[in-house]
PDB file of N, CA and C in Angstrom:
ATOM      1  N   MET A   1      45.446 -43.681 101.636  1.00  0.00           N
ATOM      2  CA  MET A   1      44.750 -43.189 100.817  1.00  0.00           C
ATOM      3  C   MET A   1      44.962 -41.487 100.639  1.00  0.00           C
ATOM      4  N   THR A   2      44.859 -41.456  99.490  1.00  0.00           N
ATOM      5  CA  THR A   2      44.920 -39.614  99.395  1.00  0.00           C
ATOM      6  C   THR A   2      43.753 -39.139  99.183  1.00  0.00           C
ATOM      7  N   ASP A   3      43.426 -37.800  99.650  1.00  0.00           N
ATOM      8  CA  ASP A   3      42.343 -37.049  99.281  1.00  0.00           C
ATOM      9  C   ASP A   3      42.339 -36.491  98.124  1.00  0.00           C
ATOM     10  N   LYS A   4      43.160 -36.423  97.111  1.00  0.00           N
ATOM     11  CA  LYS A   4      43.354 -35.776  96.313  1.00  0.00           C
ATOM     12  C   LYS A   4      42.475 -36.374  95.042  1.00  0.00           C
ATOM     13  N   PRO A   5      41.718 -35.810  94.200  1.00  0.00           N
ATOM     14  CA  PRO A   5      41.253 -36.493  93.072  1.00  0.00           C
ATOM     15  C   PRO A   5      41.965 -36.837  92.192  1.00  0.00           C
ATOM     16  N   PHE A   6      41.958 -37.452  91.227  1.00  0.00           N
ATOM     17  CA  PHE A   6      42.851 -37.671  90.007  1.00  0.00           C
ATOM     18  C   PHE A   6      42.718 -36.485  89.123  1.00  0.00           C
ATOM     19  N   ASP A   7      44.033 -35.872  88.459  1.00  0.00           N
ATOM     20  CA  ASP A   7      43.986 -34.685  87.875  1.00  0.00           C
ATOM     21  C   ASP A   7      44.518 -35.067  86.375  1.00  0.00           C
ATOM     22  N   PRO A   8      43.645 -35.339  85.278  1.00  0.00           N
ATOM     23  CA  PRO A   8      44.281 -35.767  84.184  1.00  0.00           C
ATOM     24  C   PRO A   8      45.040 -34.569  83.477  1.00  0.00           C
ATOM     25  N   VAL A   9      44.681 -33.252  83.949  1.00  0.00           N
ATOM     26  CA  VAL A   9      45.630 -32.127  83.258  1.00  0.00           C
ATOM     27  C   VAL A   9      46.849 -32.149  83.683  1.00  0.00           C
ATOM     28  N   ALA A  10      46.945 -32.273  85.128  1.00  0.00           N
ATOM     29  CA  ALA A  10      48.304 -32.003  85.988  1.00  0.00           C
ATOM     30  C   ALA A  10      49.037 -33.035  85.158  1.00  0.00           C
ATOM     31  N   ALA A  11      48.516 -34.850  85.163  1.00  0.00           N
ATOM     32  CA  ALA A  11      49.250 -35.591  84.748  1.00  0.00           C
ATOM     33  C   ALA A  11      49.942 -35.322  83.550  1.00  0.00           C
ATOM     34  N   TRP A  12      48.899 -35.140  82.379  1.00  0.00           N
ATOM     35  CA  TRP A  12      49.351 -34.764  80.999  1.00  0.00           C
ATOM     36  C   TRP A  12      50.853 -33.655  81.045  1.00  0.00           C
ATOM     37  N   ALA A  13      50.211 -32.477  81.863  1.00  0.00           N
ATOM     38  CA  ALA A  13      51.501 -31.501  81.869  1.00  0.00           C
ATOM     39  C   ALA A  13      52.538 -32.198  82.345  1.00  0.00           C
ATOM     40  N   ASP A  14      52.836 -32.849  83.208  1.00  0.00           N
ATOM     41  CA  ASP A  14      53.939 -33.661  83.947  1.00  0.00           C
ATOM     42  C   ASP A  14      54.648 -34.411  82.975  1.00  0.00           C
ATOM     43  N   MET A  15      53.824 -35.286  81.944  1.00  0.00           N
ATOM     44  CA  MET A  15      54.337 -36.094  80.975  1.00  0.00           C
ATOM     45  C   MET A  15      54.914 -35.312  79.888  1.00  0.00           C
ATOM     46  N   VAL A  16      54.472 -33.840  79.781  1.00  0.00           N
ATOM     47  CA  VAL A  16      54.762 -33.285  78.630  1.00  0.00           C
ATOM     48  C   VAL A  16      56.268 -32.611  78.993  1.00  0.00           C
ATOM     49  N   GLN A  17      55.977 -32.137  80.418  1.00  0.00           N
ATOM     50  CA  GLN A  17      57.420 -31.904  80.729  1.00  0.00           C
ATOM     51  C   GLN A  17      58.554 -32.813  80.715  1.00  0.00           C
ATOM     52  N   LYS A  18      58.525 -33.819  81.401  1.00  0.00           N
ATOM     53  CA  LYS A  18      59.472 -34.790  81.651  1.00  0.00           C
ATOM     54  C   LYS A  18      59.834 -35.227  80.038  1.00  0.00           C
ATOM     55  N   TRP A  19      58.850 -35.286  79.035  1.00  0.00           N
ATOM     56  CA  TRP A  19      59.394 -35.504  77.563  1.00  0.00           C
ATOM     57  C   TRP A  19      60.366 -34.280  76.959  1.00  0.00           C
ATOM     58  N   GLU A  20      59.731 -33.260  77.024  1.00  0.00           N
ATOM     59  CA  GLU A  20      60.364 -31.950  76.854  1.00  0.00           C
ATOM     60  C   GLU A  20      62.058 -31.826  77.321  1.00  0.00           C
ATOM     61  N   GLN A  21      62.206 -32.249  78.781  1.00  0.00           N
ATOM     62  CA  GLN A  21      63.450 -32.573  79.406  1.00  0.00           C
ATOM     63  C   GLN A  21      64.604 -33.661  78.712  1.00  0.00           C
ATOM     64  N   GLU A  22      63.628 -34.712  78.491  1.00  0.00           N
ATOM     65  CA  GLU A  22      64.446 -35.721  77.472  1.00  0.00           C
ATOM     66  C   GLU A  22      64.668 -35.467  76.366  1.00  0.00           C
ATOM     67  N   ILE A  23      63.804 -34.728  75.638  1.00  0.00           N
ATOM     68  CA  ILE A  23      64.334 -34.125  74.334  1.00  0.00           C
ATOM     69  C   ILE A  23      65.329 -33.030  74.027  1.00  0.00           C
ATOM     70  N   ASN A  24      65.737 -32.319  75.197  1.00  0.00           N
ATOM     71  CA  ASN A  24      66.378 -31.003  75.267  1.00  0.00           C
ATOM     72  C   ASN A  24      67.825 -31.823  75.538  1.00  0.00           C
ATOM     73  N   GLY A  25      67.949 -32.456  76.644  1.00  0.00           N
ATOM     74  CA  GLY A  25      69.018 -33.321  76.763  1.00  0.00           C
ATOM     75  C   GLY A  25      69.692 -34.334  75.546  1.00  0.00           C
ATOM     76  N   TRP A  26      68.817 -34.894  75.035  1.00  0.00           N
ATOM     77  CA  TRP A  26      69.377 -35.691  73.896  1.00  0.00           C
ATOM     78  C   TRP A  26      69.740 -34.722  72.748  1.00  0.00           C
ATOM     79  N   SER A  27      68.736 -33.668  72.248  1.00  0.00           N
ATOM     80  CA  SER A  27      69.593 -32.476  71.531  1.00  0.00           C
ATOM     81  C   SER A  27      70.696 -32.227  72.069  1.00  0.00           C
ATOM     82  N   ALA A  28      70.897 -31.441  73.262  1.00  0.00           N
ATOM     83  CA  ALA A  28      72.116 -31.145  73.579  1.00  0.00           C
ATOM     84  C   ALA A  28      73.565 -31.889  73.177  1.00  0.00           C
ATOM     85  N   LYS A  29      73.346 -33.298  73.447  1.00  0.00           N
ATOM     86  CA  LYS A  29      74.308 -34.137  73.513  1.00  0.00           C
ATOM     87  C   LYS A  29      74.873 -34.421  72.040  1.00  0.00           C
ATOM     88  N   MET A  30      73.835 -34.081  71.082  1.00  0.00           N
ATOM     89  CA  MET A  30      73.547 -34.255  69.629  1.00  0.00           C
ATOM     90  C   MET A  30      74.680 -33.147  68.631  1.00  0.00           C
ATOM     91  N   THR A  31      73.966 -32.066  69.651  1.00  0.00           N
ATOM     92  CA  THR A  31      74.418 -30.640  68.782  1.00  0.00           C
ATOM     93  C   THR A  31      76.012 -30.084  69.548  1.00  0.00           C
ATOM     94  N   ASP A  32      76.398 -30.715  70.307  1.00  0.00           N
ATOM     95  CA  ASP A  32      77.577 -30.258  71.149  1.00  0.00           C
ATOM     96  C   ASP A  32      78.780 -30.295  70.098  1.00  0.00           C
ATOM     97  N   ASN A  33      78.719 -31.391  69.622  1.00  0.00           N
ATOM     98  CA  ASN A  33      79.746 -31.791  68.593  1.00  0.00           C
ATOM     99  C   ASN A  33      80.338 -31.151  67.515  1.00  0.00           C
ATOM    100  N   GLU A  34      81.414 -31.052  66.958  1.00  0.00           N
ATOM    101  CA  GLU A  34      81.656 -30.484  65.751  1.00  0.00           C
ATOM    102  C   GLU A  34      81.287 -30.940  64.671  1.00  0.00           C
ATOM    103  N   GLN A  35      81.215 -32.427  64.682  1.00  0.00           N
ATOM    104  CA  GLN A  35      80.676 -32.974  63.376  1.00  0.00           C
ATOM    105  C   GLN A  35      79.257 -32.805  62.946  1.00  0.00           C
ATOM    106  N   PHE A  36      78.526 -32.418  64.269  1.00  0.00           N
ATOM    107  CA  PHE A  36      77.334 -32.243  63.931  1.00  0.00           C
ATOM    108  C   PHE A  36      77.045 -31.060  63.034  1.00  0.00           C
ATOM    109  N   GLY A  37      77.944 -29.899  63.305  1.00  0.00           N
ATOM    110  CA  GLY A  37      77.877 -28.537  62.935  1.00  0.00           C
ATOM    111  C   GLY A  37      78.374 -28.595  61.147  1.00  0.00           C
ATOM    112  N   ALA A  38      79.599 -29.499  60.931  1.00  0.00           N
ATOM    113  CA  ALA A  38      79.951 -29.724  59.987  1.00  0.00           C
ATOM    114  C   ALA A  38      78.839 -30.333  58.986  1.00  0.00           C
ATOM    115  N   LEU A  39      78.265 -31.394  59.498  1.00  0.00           N
ATOM    116  CA  LEU A  39      77.225 -32.154  58.545  1.00  0.00           C
ATOM    117  C   LEU A  39      76.171 -31.091  58.392  1.00  0.00           C
ATOM    118  N   VAL A  40      75.526 -30.411  59.203  1.00  0.00           N
ATOM    119  CA  VAL A  40      74.482 -29.412  59.164  1.00  0.00           C
ATOM    120  C   VAL A  40      75.203 -28.136  57.860  1.00  0.00           C
ATOM    121  N   GLY A  41      76.300 -27.752  57.741  1.00  0.00           N
ATOM    122  CA  GLY A  41      76.774 -26.850  57.013  1.00  0.00           C
ATOM    123  C   GLY A  41      76.716 -27.922  55.633  1.00  0.00           C
ATOM    124  N   ASN A  42      76.924 -28.932  55.878  1.00  0.00           N
ATOM    125  CA  ASN A  42      77.543 -29.678  54.381  1.00  0.00           C
ATOM    126  C   ASN A  42      76.155 -29.731  53.590  1.00  0.00           C
ATOM    127  N   VAL A  43      74.916 -30.230  54.420  1.00  0.00           N
ATOM    128  CA  VAL A  43      73.806 -30.420  54.076  1.00  0.00           C
ATOM    129  C   VAL A  43      72.920 -28.965  53.351  1.00  0.00           C
ATOM    130  N   SER A  44      73.266 -28.312  54.580  1.00  0.00           N
ATOM    131  CA  SER A  44      72.800 -26.673  53.730  1.00  0.00           C
ATOM    132  C   SER A  44      73.338 -26.620  52.378  1.00  0.00           C
ATOM    133  N   ARG A  45      74.699 -26.662  52.332  1.00  0.00           N
ATOM    134  CA  ARG A  45      75.508 -26.407  51.046  1.00  0.00           C
ATOM    135  C   ARG A  45      74.855 -27.209  49.627  1.00  0.00           C
ATOM    136  N   ILE A  46      74.486 -28.483  49.914  1.00  0.00           N
ATOM    137  CA  ILE A  46      74.110 -29.446  48.885  1.00  0.00           C
ATOM    138  C   ILE A  46      72.705 -28.968  48.671  1.00  0.00           C
ATOM    139  N   GLN A  47      71.838 -28.507  49.804  1.00  0.00           N
ATOM    140  CA  GLN A  47      70.470 -28.032  49.405  1.00  0.00           C
ATOM    141  C   GLN A  47      70.790 -26.669  48.766  1.00  0.00           C
ATOM    142  N   LEU A  48      71.279 -26.209  48.712  1.00  0.00           N
ATOM    143  CA  LEU A  48      71.451 -24.888  47.889  1.00  0.00           C
ATOM    144  C   LEU A  48      71.596 -24.975  46.454  1.00  0.00           C
ATOM    145  N   VAL A  49      72.848 -26.453  45.948  1.00  0.00           N
ATOM    146  CA  VAL A  49      73.117 -26.162  44.910  1.00  0.00           C
ATOM    147  C   VAL A  49      72.180 -26.966  44.313  1.00  0.00           C
ATOM    148  N   VAL A  50      71.401 -27.892  44.888  1.00  0.00           N
ATOM    149  CA  VAL A  50      70.176 -28.423  44.504  1.00  0.00           C
ATOM    150  C   VAL A  50      69.141 -28.113  44.174  1.00  0.00           C
ATOM    151  N   GLN A  51      69.270 -26.714  44.829  1.00  0.00           N
ATOM    152  CA  GLN A  51      67.821 -26.098  44.427  1.00  0.00           C
ATOM    153  C   GLN A  51      68.186 -25.019  43.469  1.00  0.00           C
ATOM    154  N   ARG A  52      69.228 -24.394  43.129  1.00  0.00           N
ATOM    155  CA  ARG A  52      69.768 -24.277  42.039  1.00  0.00           C
ATOM    156  C   ARG A  52      69.754 -24.519  40.729  1.00  0.00           C
ATOM    157  N   MET A  53      69.984 -26.090  40.673  1.00  0.00           N
ATOM    158  CA  MET A  53      69.830 -27.135  39.613  1.00  0.00           C
ATOM    159  C   MET A  53      68.728 -27.018  39.073  1.00  0.00           C
ATOM    160  N   VAL A  54      67.813 -27.113  40.441  1.00  0.00           N
ATOM    161  CA  VAL A  54      65.926 -27.414  39.834  1.00  0.00           C
ATOM    162  C   VAL A  54      65.752 -25.957  38.966  1.00  0.00           C
ATOM    163  N   ALA A  55      66.065 -25.172  39.798  1.00  0.00           N
ATOM    164  CA  ALA A  55      65.353 -23.641  39.616  1.00  0.00           C
ATOM    165  C   ALA A  55      66.195 -23.371  37.751  1.00  0.00           C
ATOM    166  N   GLU A  56      67.014 -23.649  37.392  1.00  0.00           N
ATOM    167  CA  GLU A  56      67.842 -23.830  36.212  1.00  0.00           C
ATOM    168  C   GLU A  56      67.030 -24.700  35.139  1.00  0.00           C
ATOM    169  N   GLN A  57      66.804 -25.936  35.739  1.00  0.00           N
ATOM    170  CA  GLN A  57      66.090 -26.922  34.876  1.00  0.00           C
ATOM    171  C   GLN A  57      64.811 -26.617  34.657  1.00  0.00           C
ATOM    172  N   MET A  58      64.120 -25.949  35.500  1.00  0.00           N
ATOM    173  CA  MET A  58      62.515 -25.461  35.454  1.00  0.00           C
ATOM    174  C   MET A  58      62.570 -24.471  34.341  1.00  0.00           C
ATOM    175  N   GLU A  59      63.371 -23.609  34.523  1.00  0.00           N
ATOM    176  CA  GLU A  59      63.551 -22.362  33.586  1.00  0.00           C
ATOM    177  C   GLU A  59      63.961 -22.914  32.353  1.00  0.00           C
ATOM    178  N   SER A  60      65.028 -23.862  32.264  1.00  0.00           N
ATOM    179  CA  SER A  60      64.728 -24.300  30.700  1.00  0.00           C
ATOM    180  C   SER A  60      63.771 -25.039  30.225  1.00  0.00           C
ATOM    181  N   MET A  61      63.353 -25.769  30.766  1.00  0.00           N
ATOM    182  CA  MET A  61      61.767 -26.386  30.615  1.00  0.00           C
ATOM    183  C   MET A  61      60.783 -25.602  30.229  1.00  0.00           C
ATOM    184  N   LEU A  62      60.470 -24.601  30.871  1.00  0.00           N
ATOM    185  CA  LEU A  62      59.328 -23.725  30.587  1.00  0.00           C
ATOM    186  C   LEU A  62      59.984 -22.693  29.236  1.00  0.00           C
ATOM    187  N   THR A  63      61.018 -22.347  29.031  1.00  0.00           N
ATOM    188  CA  THR A  63      61.659 -21.956  27.601  1.00  0.00           C
ATOM    189  C   THR A  63      61.274 -23.153  26.710  1.00  0.00           C
ATOM    190  N   THR A  64      61.738 -24.081  26.874  1.00  0.00           N
ATOM    191  CA  THR A  64      61.164 -25.281  25.835  1.00  0.00           C
ATOM    192  C   THR A  64      59.518 -25.142  25.333  1.00  0.00           C
ATOM    193  N   LEU A  65      58.931 -25.081  26.574  1.00  0.00           N
ATOM    194  CA  LEU A  65      57.716 -25.204  26.398  1.00  0.00           C
ATOM    195  C   LEU A  65      56.974 -23.635  26.180  1.00  0.00           C
ATOM    196  N   ALA A  66      57.546 -22.572  25.900  1.00  0.00           N
ATOM    197  CA  ALA A  66      57.285 -21.340  25.564  1.00  0.00           C
ATOM    198  C   ALA A  66      56.258 -21.072  26.693  1.00  0.00           C
ATOM    199  N   MET A  67      56.631 -21.572  27.609  1.00  0.00           N
ATOM    200  CA  MET A  67      55.873 -20.776  29.264  1.00  0.00           C
ATOM    201  C   MET A  67      56.550 -19.800  29.738  1.00  0.00           C
ATOM    202  N   PRO A  68      56.021 -18.689  30.343  1.00  0.00           N
ATOM    203  CA  PRO A  68      56.983 -17.627  31.207  1.00  0.00           C
ATOM    204  C   PRO A  68      57.472 -18.463  32.596  1.00  0.00           C
ATOM    205  N   THR A  69      58.169 -17.906  32.979  1.00  0.00           N
ATOM    206  CA  THR A  69      58.936 -18.318  34.136  1.00  0.00           C
ATOM    207  C   THR A  69      58.583 -17.376  35.391  1.00  0.00           C
ATOM    208  N   LYS A  70      58.658 -17.781  36.537  1.00  0.00           N
ATOM    209  CA  LYS A  70      58.050 -17.472  37.671  1.00  0.00           C
ATOM    210  C   LYS A  70      58.508 -15.470  37.513  1.00  0.00           C
ATOM    211  N   ALA A  71      59.824 -15.466  37.339  1.00  0.00           N
ATOM    212  CA  ALA A  71      60.495 -14.149  37.205  1.00  0.00           C
ATOM    213  C   ALA A  71      59.831 -13.048  36.244  1.00  0.00           C
ATOM    214  N   GLN A  72      59.353 -13.766  35.316  1.00  0.00           N
ATOM    215  CA  GLN A  72      58.482 -13.198  33.943  1.00  0.00           C
ATOM    216  C   GLN A  72      57.438 -12.630  34.503  1.00  0.00           C
ATOM    217  N   VAL A  73      56.539 -13.650  34.995  1.00  0.00           N
ATOM    218  CA  VAL A  73      55.149 -13.498  35.480  1.00  0.00           C
ATOM    219  C   VAL A  73      55.233 -12.499  36.483  1.00  0.00           C
ATOM    220  N   GLU A  74      55.918 -12.368  37.445  1.00  0.00           N
ATOM    221  CA  GLU A  74      56.174 -11.054  38.464  1.00  0.00           C
ATOM    222  C   GLU A  74      56.540 -10.064  37.983  1.00  0.00           C
ATOM    223  N   GLU A  75      57.625 -10.083  36.997  1.00  0.00           N
ATOM    224  CA  GLU A  75      57.658  -8.701  35.807  1.00  0.00           C
ATOM    225  C   GLU A  75      56.515  -8.079  35.073  1.00  0.00           C
ATOM    226  N   LEU A  76      55.866  -9.211  35.057  1.00  0.00           N
ATOM    227  CA  LEU A  76      54.350  -8.455  33.928  1.00  0.00           C
ATOM    228  C   LEU A  76      53.815  -8.065  34.917  1.00  0.00           C
ATOM    229  N   ALA A  77      53.366  -8.376  36.273  1.00  0.00           N
ATOM    230  CA  ALA A  77      52.548  -8.193  37.367  1.00  0.00           C
ATOM    231  C   ALA A  77      52.820  -6.759  37.693  1.00  0.00           C
ATOM    232  N   GLU A  78      54.293  -6.579  37.748  1.00  0.00           N
ATOM    233  CA  GLU A  78      54.519  -5.278  38.293  1.00  0.00           C
ATOM    234  C   GLU A  78      54.365  -4.094  37.105  1.00  0.00           C
ATOM    235  N   ARG A  79      54.440  -4.431  36.165  1.00  0.00           N
ATOM    236  CA  ARG A  79      54.165  -3.294  34.803  1.00  0.00           C
ATOM    237  C   ARG A  79      52.808  -3.237  34.885  1.00  0.00           C
ATOM    238  N   MET A  80      52.029  -4.508  35.029  1.00  0.00           N
ATOM    239  CA  MET A  80      50.538  -4.163  34.986  1.00  0.00           C
ATOM    240  C   MET A  80      49.988  -3.167  36.319  1.00  0.00           C
ATOM    241  N   ALA A  81      50.687  -3.498  37.575  1.00  0.00           N
ATOM    242  CA  ALA A  81      50.369  -2.643  38.742  1.00  0.00           C
ATOM    243  C   ALA A  81      50.701  -0.979  38.383  1.00  0.00           C
ATOM    244  N   GLY A  82      51.624  -0.943  37.531  1.00  0.00           N
ATOM    245  CA  GLY A  82      52.405   0.386  37.079  1.00  0.00           C
ATOM    246  C   GLY A  82      51.345   1.156  36.268  1.00  0.00           C
ATOM    247  N   ILE A  83      50.641   0.124  35.189  1.00  0.00           N
ATOM    248  CA  ILE A  83      49.827   0.544  34.353  1.00  0.00           C
ATOM    249  C   ILE A  83      48.680   0.985  34.828  1.00  0.00           C
ATOM    250  N   GLU A  84      48.237   0.021  35.826  1.00  0.00           N
ATOM    251  CA  GLU A  84      46.777   0.410  36.568  1.00  0.00           C
ATOM    252  C   GLU A  84      46.886   1.834  37.255  1.00  0.00           C
ATOM    253  N   ASP A  85      48.208   2.104  38.123  1.00  0.00           N
ATOM    254  CA  ASP A  85      48.309   3.349  38.936  1.00  0.00           C
ATOM    255  C   ASP A  85      48.195   4.597  37.943  1.00  0.00           C
ATOM    256  N   SER A  86      48.934   4.352  36.561  1.00  0.00           N
ATOM    257  CA  SER A  86      48.916   5.443  35.614  1.00  0.00           C
ATOM    258  C   SER A  86      47.361   5.680  35.253  1.00  0.00           C
ATOM    259  N   ILE A  87      46.750   4.876  34.984  1.00  0.00           N
ATOM    260  CA  ILE A  87      45.282   4.855  34.440  1.00  0.00           C
ATOM    261  C   ILE A  87      44.678   5.570  35.835  1.00  0.00           C
ATOM    262  N   ASP A  88      44.808   5.311  37.026  1.00  0.00           N
ATOM    263  CA  ASP A  88      44.161   5.724  38.215  1.00  0.00           C
ATOM    264  C   ASP A  88      44.310   7.246  38.091  1.00  0.00           C
ATOM    265  N   ARG A  89      45.805   7.556  37.913  1.00  0.00           N
ATOM    266  CA  ARG A  89      45.992   8.844  38.244  1.00  0.00           C
ATOM    267  C   ARG A  89      45.300  10.076  36.878  1.00  0.00           C
ATOM    268  N   LEU A  90      45.311   9.250  35.808  1.00  0.00           N
ATOM    269  CA  LEU A  90      44.749   9.930  34.753  1.00  0.00           C
ATOM    270  C   LEU A  90      43.083  10.168  34.990  1.00  0.00           C
ATOM    271  N   ARG A  91      42.554   9.069  35.660  1.00  0.00           N
ATOM    272  CA  ARG A  91      41.241   8.925  36.237  1.00  0.00           C
ATOM    273  C   ARG A  91      40.815  10.247  37.095  1.00  0.00           C
ATOM    274  N   LEU A  92      41.926  10.614  38.152  1.00  0.00           N
ATOM    275  CA  LEU A  92      41.407  11.565  38.687  1.00  0.00           C
ATOM    276  C   LEU A  92      41.847  12.608  38.500  1.00  0.00           C
ATOM    277  N   ALA A  93      42.989  12.852  37.547  1.00  0.00           N
ATOM    278  CA  ALA A  93      43.118  14.208  36.910  1.00  0.00           C
ATOM    279  C   ALA A  93      41.733  14.743  36.063  1.00  0.00           C
ATOM    280  N   ILE A  94      41.214  13.681  35.566  1.00  0.00           N
ATOM    281  CA  ILE A  94      39.976  13.927  34.636  1.00  0.00           C
ATOM    282  C   ILE A  94      39.213  14.536  35.665  1.00  0.00           C
ATOM    283  N   GLU A  95      38.374  13.819  36.430  1.00  0.00           N
ATOM    284  CA  GLU A  95      37.497  14.156  37.367  1.00  0.00           C
ATOM    285  C   GLU A  95      37.649  15.575  38.095  1.00  0.00           C
ATOM    286  N   ALA A  96      39.153  15.515  38.323  1.00  0.00           N
ATOM    287  CA  ALA A  96      39.352  17.067  39.075  1.00  0.00           C
ATOM    288  C   ALA A  96      39.081  18.131  38.102  1.00  0.00           C
ATOM    289  N   ARG A  97      39.647  18.044  36.905  1.00  0.00           N
ATOM    290  CA  ARG A  97      39.084  18.818  35.682  1.00  0.00           C
ATOM    291  C   ARG A  97      37.724  19.157  35.675  1.00  0.00           C
ATOM    292  N   VAL A  98      36.995  18.155  35.701  1.00  0.00           N
ATOM    293  CA  VAL A  98      35.433  18.169  35.471  1.00  0.00           C
ATOM    294  C   VAL A  98      34.854  19.275  36.493  1.00  0.00           C
ATOM    295  N   LEU A  99      35.503  18.955  37.970  1.00  0.00           N
ATOM    296  CA  LEU A  99      35.018  19.719  39.070  1.00  0.00           C
ATOM    297  C   LEU A  99      35.047  20.938  38.962  1.00  0.00           C
ATOM    298  N   VAL A 100      35.701  21.512  38.278  1.00  0.00           N
ATOM    299  CA  VAL A 100      36.385  22.827  38.164  1.00  0.00           C
ATOM    300  C   VAL A 100      35.288  23.899  37.483  1.00  0.00           C
ATOM    301  N   PRO A 101      34.869  24.579  38.277  1.00  0.00           N
ATOM    302  CA  PRO A 101      33.599  25.458  37.594  1.00  0.00           C
ATOM    303  C   PRO A 101      33.942  26.119  36.104  1.00  0.00           C
ATOM    304  N   GLY A 102      33.174  25.915  35.616  1.00  0.00           N
ATOM    305  CA  GLY A 102      33.015  26.577  34.068  1.00  0.00           C
ATOM    306  C   GLY A 102      33.453  25.674  33.330  1.00  0.00           C
ATOM    307  N   ASN A 103      34.255  24.214  33.575  1.00  0.00           N
ATOM    308  CA  ASN A 103      34.256  23.290  32.545  1.00  0.00           C
ATOM    309  C   ASN A 103      32.773  22.370  32.512  1.00  0.00           C
ATOM    310  N   ALA A 104      32.816  21.723  31.229  1.00  0.00           N
ATOM    311  CA  ALA A 104      31.410  21.039  31.160  1.00  0.00           C
ATOM    312  C   ALA A 104      31.939  19.626  31.766  1.00  0.00           C
ATOM    313  N   PRO A 105      31.094  19.293  31.769  1.00  0.00           N
ATOM    314  CA  PRO A 105      30.999  17.804  32.220  1.00  0.00           C
ATOM    315  C   PRO A 105      31.535  16.957  31.034  1.00  0.00           C
ATOM    316  N   VAL A 106      32.204  15.736  31.346  1.00  0.00           N
ATOM    317  CA  VAL A 106      32.911  14.980  30.374  1.00  0.00           C
ATOM    318  C   VAL A 106      31.554  14.222  29.620  1.00  0.00           C
ATOM    319  N   ASP A 107      30.633  13.660  30.651  1.00  0.00           N
ATOM    320  CA  ASP A 107      29.656  13.065  30.162  1.00  0.00           C
ATOM    321  C   ASP A 107      28.712  13.659  29.342  1.00  0.00           C
ATOM    322  N   ALA A 108      28.641  15.015  29.453  1.00  0.00           N
ATOM    323  CA  ALA A 108      27.630  15.856  28.939  1.00  0.00           C
ATOM    324  C   ALA A 108      27.755  16.030  26.937  1.00  0.00           C
ATOM    325  N   ALA A 109      26.874  15.661  26.343  1.00  0.00           N
ATOM    326  CA  ALA A 109      26.637  15.786  24.767  1.00  0.00           C
ATOM    327  C   ALA A 109      26.657  17.369  24.229  1.00  0.00           C
ATOM    328  N   PRO A 110      27.493  17.788  23.536  1.00  0.00           N
ATOM    329  CA  PRO A 110      27.324  19.188  22.989  1.00  0.00           C
ATOM    330  C   PRO A 110      25.758  19.312  22.803  1.00  0.00           C
ATOM    331  N   ALA A 111      25.432  20.378  22.869  1.00  0.00           N
ATOM    332  CA  ALA A 111      23.725  20.795  22.547  1.00  0.00           C
ATOM    333  C   ALA A 111      23.683  20.848  20.856  1.00  0.00           C
ATOM    334  N   PRO A 112      22.668  20.379  20.426  1.00  0.00           N
ATOM    335  CA  PRO A 112      22.541  20.243  18.858  1.00  0.00           C
ATOM    336  C   PRO A 112      22.498  21.774  18.384  1.00  0.00           C
ATOM    337  N   VAL A 113      22.883  21.993  17.305  1.00  0.00           N
ATOM    338  CA  VAL A 113      22.804  23.287  16.604  1.00  0.00           C
ATOM    339  C   VAL A 113      21.732  23.417  15.947  1.00  0.00           C
ATOM    340  N   GLU A 114      20.802  24.323  16.471  1.00  0.00           N
ATOM    341  CA  GLU A 114      19.550  24.697  15.761  1.00  0.00           C
ATOM    342  C   GLU A 114      19.698  25.695  14.411  1.00  0.00           C
ATOM    343  N   PRO A 115      19.180  25.599  13.152  1.00  0.00           N
ATOM    344  CA  PRO A 115      18.934  26.385  12.242  1.00  0.00           C
ATOM    345  C   PRO A 115      19.109  27.679  12.635  1.00  0.00           C
ATOM    346  N   LYS A 116      19.217  28.621  11.892  1.00  0.00           N
ATOM    347  CA  LYS A 116      18.911  30.049  12.067  1.00  0.00           C
ATOM    348  C   LYS A 116      17.604  30.313  11.535  1.00  0.00           C
ATOM    349  N   ARG A 117      16.803  31.404  11.870  1.00  0.00           N
ATOM    350  CA  ARG A 117      15.890  31.738  11.631  1.00  0.00           C
ATOM    351  C   ARG A 117      15.565  32.661  10.530  1.00  0.00           C
ATOM    352  N   THR A 118      15.574  32.535   9.582  1.00  0.00           N
ATOM    353  CA  THR A 118      15.894  33.580   8.166  1.00  0.00           C
ATOM    354  C   THR A 118      14.177  34.274   7.963  1.00  0.00           C
ATOM    355  N   ARG A 119      13.449  33.571   7.901  1.00  0.00           N
ATOM    356  CA  ARG A 119      12.014  33.523   7.595  1.00  0.00           C
ATOM    357  C   ARG A 119      11.216  34.794   8.560  1.00  0.00           C
ATOM    358  N   LYS A 120      10.821  35.956   8.327  1.00  0.00           N
ATOM    359  CA  LYS A 120      10.140  36.460   9.144  1.00  0.00           C
ATOM    360  C   LYS A 120       8.624  36.535   8.893  1.00  0.00           C
ATOM    361  N   PRO A 121       7.847  36.920   9.626  1.00  0.00           N
ATOM    362  CA  PRO A 121       6.337  36.516   9.199  1.00  0.00           C
ATOM    363  C   PRO A 121       5.897  37.631   8.719  1.00  0.00           C
ATOM    364  N   PRO A 122       5.173  37.922   8.013  1.00  0.00           N
ATOM    365  CA  PRO A 122       4.040  38.522   7.189  1.00  0.00           C
ATOM    366  C   PRO A 122       3.665  40.111   7.907  1.00  0.00           C
ATOM    367  N   VAL A 123       3.980  40.949   7.270  1.00  0.00           N
ATOM    368  CA  VAL A 123       3.875  42.073   8.108  1.00  0.00           C
ATOM    369  C   VAL A 123       2.261  42.649   7.791  1.00  0.00           C
ATOM    370  N   LYS A 124       1.385  42.807   9.051  1.00  0.00           N
ATOM    371  CA  LYS A 124       0.175  43.055   9.045  1.00  0.00           C
ATOM    372  C   LYS A 124      -0.287  44.368   8.525  1.00  0.00           C
ATOM    373  N   GLY A 125      -1.044  44.913   7.787  1.00  0.00           N
ATOM    374  CA  GLY A 125      -1.350  46.109   7.932  1.00  0.00           C
ATOM    375  C   GLY A 125      -1.927  47.043   7.180  1.00  0.00           C
TER     376      GLY A 125
END
């Protein structure tokens, strides 16, 4: 009998290590030949062609439905970001001008014009 207690973590690690070695050996045998490389290349080409066709069909469908495409939405988002930046720059410029001594605050309303006092009090005498 052994004096060591059963360690489930060590058993699990050993099983995973053997499993990784099996997978690595199997995948090395599979990827070693030229046919596998050619197959992967062909699959990649087919995937690109299908992806392009789906994108073209989707764009056509969206145009038919009068809906914007992803590229148009991205362009609009970029334009809006530019407009927001311009507004921020204008706001900062206005705030900087208000803070200059001698400039009236933008929020302050002009003082109401009071009528001239033309009547004089009677002379006592």
